[in-house]
C-alpha atoms as a PDB file:
ATOM      1  CA  MET A   1    -134.705  19.122-244.891  1.00  0.00           C
ATOM      2  CA  ALA A   2    -137.749  18.671-247.146  1.00  0.00           C
ATOM      3  CA  ALA A   3    -141.615  18.809-245.350  1.00  0.00           C
ATOM      4  CA  ALA A   4    -142.298  15.703-246.952  1.00  0.00           C
ATOM      5  CA  ASP A   5    -139.095  14.164-245.154  1.00  0.00           C
ATOM      6  CA  LEU A   6    -140.519  15.350-241.666  1.00  0.00           C
ATOM      7  CA  ASP A   7    -141.664  13.448-239.143  1.00  0.00           C
ATOM      8  CA  ILE A   8    -143.670  15.410-236.922  1.00  0.00           C
ATOM      9  CA  GLN A   9    -144.194  12.303-234.569  1.00  0.00           C
ATOM     10  CA  TYR A  10    -140.620  12.271-233.555  1.00  0.00           C
ATOM     11  CA  VAL A  11    -140.443  16.179-233.322  1.00  0.00           C
ATOM     12  CA  ALA A  12    -143.515  15.693-231.065  1.00  0.00           C
ATOM     13  CA  HIS A  13    -142.123  13.114-228.744  1.00  0.00           C
ATOM     14  CA  LEU A  14    -138.499  15.097-228.601  1.00  0.00           C
ATOM     15  CA  ALA A  15    -140.460  18.322-227.237  1.00  0.00           C
ATOM     16  CA  ARG A  16    -142.554  16.120-224.898  1.00  0.00           C
ATOM     17  CA  LEU A  17    -145.695  16.759-226.782  1.00  0.00           C
ATOM     18  CA  ASP A  18    -148.686  14.173-226.869  1.00  0.00           C
ATOM     19  CA  LEU A  19    -150.479  15.397-230.224  1.00  0.00           C
ATOM     20  CA  THR A  20    -153.869  14.904-231.488  1.00  0.00           C
ATOM     21  CA  PRO A  21    -154.091  13.505-235.441  1.00  0.00           C
ATOM     22  CA  ASP A  22    -155.121  17.374-236.225  1.00  0.00           C
ATOM     23  CA  GLU A  23    -152.978  18.944-234.396  1.00  0.00           C
ATOM     24  CA  GLU A  24    -150.026  16.701-236.077  1.00  0.00           C
ATOM     25  CA  ALA A  25    -151.307  17.882-239.566  1.00  0.00           C
ATOM     26  CA  ARG A  26    -151.609  21.368-238.646  1.00  0.00           C
ATOM     27  CA  PHE A  27    -147.889  21.484-236.642  1.00  0.00           C
ATOM     28  CA  SER A  28    -147.027  19.638-240.073  1.00  0.00           C
ATOM     29  CA  ALA A  29    -147.860  22.145-242.216  1.00  0.00           C
ATOM     30  CA  GLN A  30    -147.031  25.381-240.174  1.00  0.00           C
ATOM     31  CA  LEU A  31    -143.198  23.368-239.709  1.00  0.00           C
ATOM     32  CA  GLY A  32    -143.290  22.529-243.478  1.00  0.00           C
ATOM     33  CA  ARG A  33    -143.617  26.557-244.175  1.00  0.00           C
ATOM     34  CA  ILE A  34    -141.085  27.506-241.832  1.00  0.00           C
ATOM     35  CA  LEU A  35    -138.485  24.802-243.395  1.00  0.00           C
ATOM     36  CA  ASP A  36    -139.375  26.208-246.964  1.00  0.00           C
ATOM     37  CA  TYR A  37    -139.104  29.526-245.836  1.00  0.00           C
ATOM     38  CA  ILE A  38    -135.569  28.375-244.707  1.00  0.00           C
ATOM     39  CA  ALA A  39    -134.879  27.091-247.851  1.00  0.00           C
ATOM     40  CA  GLN A  40    -135.488  30.430-249.522  1.00  0.00           C
ATOM     41  CA  LEU A  41    -133.362  32.290-247.299  1.00  0.00           C
ATOM     42  CA  ARG A  42    -130.260  29.856-247.942  1.00  0.00           C
ATOM     43  CA  GLU A  43    -130.850  31.028-251.582  1.00  0.00           C
ATOM     44  CA  LEU A  44    -129.618  34.092-251.019  1.00  0.00           C
ATOM     45  CA  SER A  45    -126.186  35.220-251.566  1.00  0.00           C
ATOM     46  CA  VAL A  46    -124.499  37.008-248.553  1.00  0.00           C
ATOM     47  CA  ASP A  47    -121.246  37.240-250.001  1.00  0.00           C
ATOM     48  CA  GLY A  48    -119.427  40.097-248.272  1.00  0.00           C
ATOM     49  CA  ILE A  49    -121.708  40.287-245.597  1.00  0.00           C
ATOM     50  CA  GLU A  50    -120.210  40.376-242.359  1.00  0.00           C
ATOM     51  CA  PRO A  51    -121.322  38.412-239.598  1.00  0.00           C
ATOM     52  CA  THR A  52    -123.583  40.008-236.747  1.00  0.00           C
ATOM     53  CA  ALA A  53    -125.269  39.065-233.586  1.00  0.00           C
ATOM     54  CA  HIS A  54    -127.760  42.211-234.285  1.00  0.00           C
ATOM     55  CA  ALA A  55    -129.210  44.309-237.450  1.00  0.00           C
ATOM     56  CA  VAL A  56    -128.735  47.630-235.245  1.00  0.00           C
ATOM     57  CA  PRO A  57    -125.686  48.085-232.939  1.00  0.00           C
ATOM     58  CA  LEU A  58    -126.744  47.584-229.248  1.00  0.00           C
ATOM     59  CA  VAL A  59    -125.216  49.673-226.124  1.00  0.00           C
ATOM     60  CA  ASN A  60    -125.876  48.515-222.836  1.00  0.00           C
ATOM     61  CA  VAL A  61    -128.473  50.545-221.040  1.00  0.00           C
ATOM     62  CA  THR A  62    -127.888  49.228-217.561  1.00  0.00           C
ATOM     63  CA  ARG A  63    -126.644  51.235-215.142  1.00  0.00           C
ATOM     64  CA  PRO A  64    -123.066  50.047-213.302  1.00  0.00           C
ATOM     65  CA  ASP A  65    -123.305  48.280-210.159  1.00  0.00           C
ATOM     66  CA  GLU A  66    -122.980  50.654-207.082  1.00  0.00           C
ATOM     67  CA  VAL A  67    -122.980  49.681-203.214  1.00  0.00           C
ATOM     68  CA  ARG A  68    -125.662  51.487-201.415  1.00  0.00           C
ATOM     69  CA  PRO A  69    -127.795  51.354-198.275  1.00  0.00           C
ATOM     70  CA  SER A  70    -130.282  48.587-198.725  1.00  0.00           C
ATOM     71  CA  MET A  71    -132.850  46.988-196.196  1.00  0.00           C
ATOM     72  CA  PRO A  72    -131.713  45.931-192.690  1.00  0.00           C
ATOM     73  CA  THR A  73    -131.643  42.031-192.150  1.00  0.00           C
ATOM     74  CA  ARG A  74    -133.946  42.183-189.163  1.00  0.00           C
ATOM     75  CA  ALA A  75    -136.530  44.220-191.406  1.00  0.00           C
ATOM     76  CA  ALA A  76    -136.170  41.787-193.983  1.00  0.00           C
ATOM     77  CA  LEU A  77    -136.517  38.687-192.168  1.00  0.00           C
ATOM     78  CA  ARG A  78    -139.306  40.502-189.738  1.00  0.00           C
ATOM     79  CA  ASN A  79    -142.249  38.228-191.971  1.00  0.00           C
ATOM     80  CA  ALA A  80    -140.143  35.250-192.548  1.00  0.00           C
ATOM     81  CA  PRO A  81    -142.206  32.219-191.434  1.00  0.00           C
ATOM     82  CA  ALA A  82    -138.507  30.058-191.020  1.00  0.00           C
ATOM     83  CA  GLN A  83    -135.278  31.502-189.883  1.00  0.00           C
ATOM     84  CA  ALA A  84    -132.112  31.073-189.081  1.00  0.00           C
ATOM     85  CA  ASN A  85    -128.657  32.667-188.789  1.00  0.00           C
ATOM     86  CA  ASP A  86    -130.125  35.669-190.514  1.00  0.00           C
ATOM     87  CA  LEU A  87    -131.059  33.529-193.580  1.00  0.00           C
ATOM     88  CA  PHE A  88    -134.377  32.665-194.850  1.00  0.00           C
ATOM     89  CA  LEU A  89    -135.423  28.615-194.221  1.00  0.00           C
ATOM     90  CA  VAL A  90    -137.479  27.201-197.165  1.00  0.00           C
ATOM     91  CA  PRO A  91    -138.527  23.475-197.434  1.00  0.00           C
ATOM     92  CA  LYS A  92    -136.056  21.581-199.283  1.00  0.00           C
ATOM     93  CA  ILE A  93    -137.478  20.676-202.702  1.00  0.00           C
ATOM     94  CA  VAL A  94    -135.204  18.351-204.017  1.00  0.00           C
ATOM     95  CA  GLU A  95    -133.744  15.064-202.713  1.00  0.00           C
END
C-alpha cells in the first residue's frame, strides 16, 4: 500500500481514535514513512535465509517450577475485606 493510498481517518476509526486535523496530518506522514520503509525491505533478496523468530538464539532463563512452602491460607486472608470458604470475595464486575 502506498502512502498516497492511505486513509488515515479509516485507520483512526479502526483504532477508535478521535484525531484532530493536525494529528491526522502528522500521523499520516509518519505512517507513510513506515510503509515506505517496508517497501524498501521488500526489495531485499532473502533467498537462502532461514526464517527465524529471533535474530539471536534464545534460551529459556526461567527456573523450573518446584513445590515450596508458601504463606498459610489464614495468613493470606487475614486482611481480606471479604472472604468465604478460604477464598477472597471480590465485587462482581461482569454481568
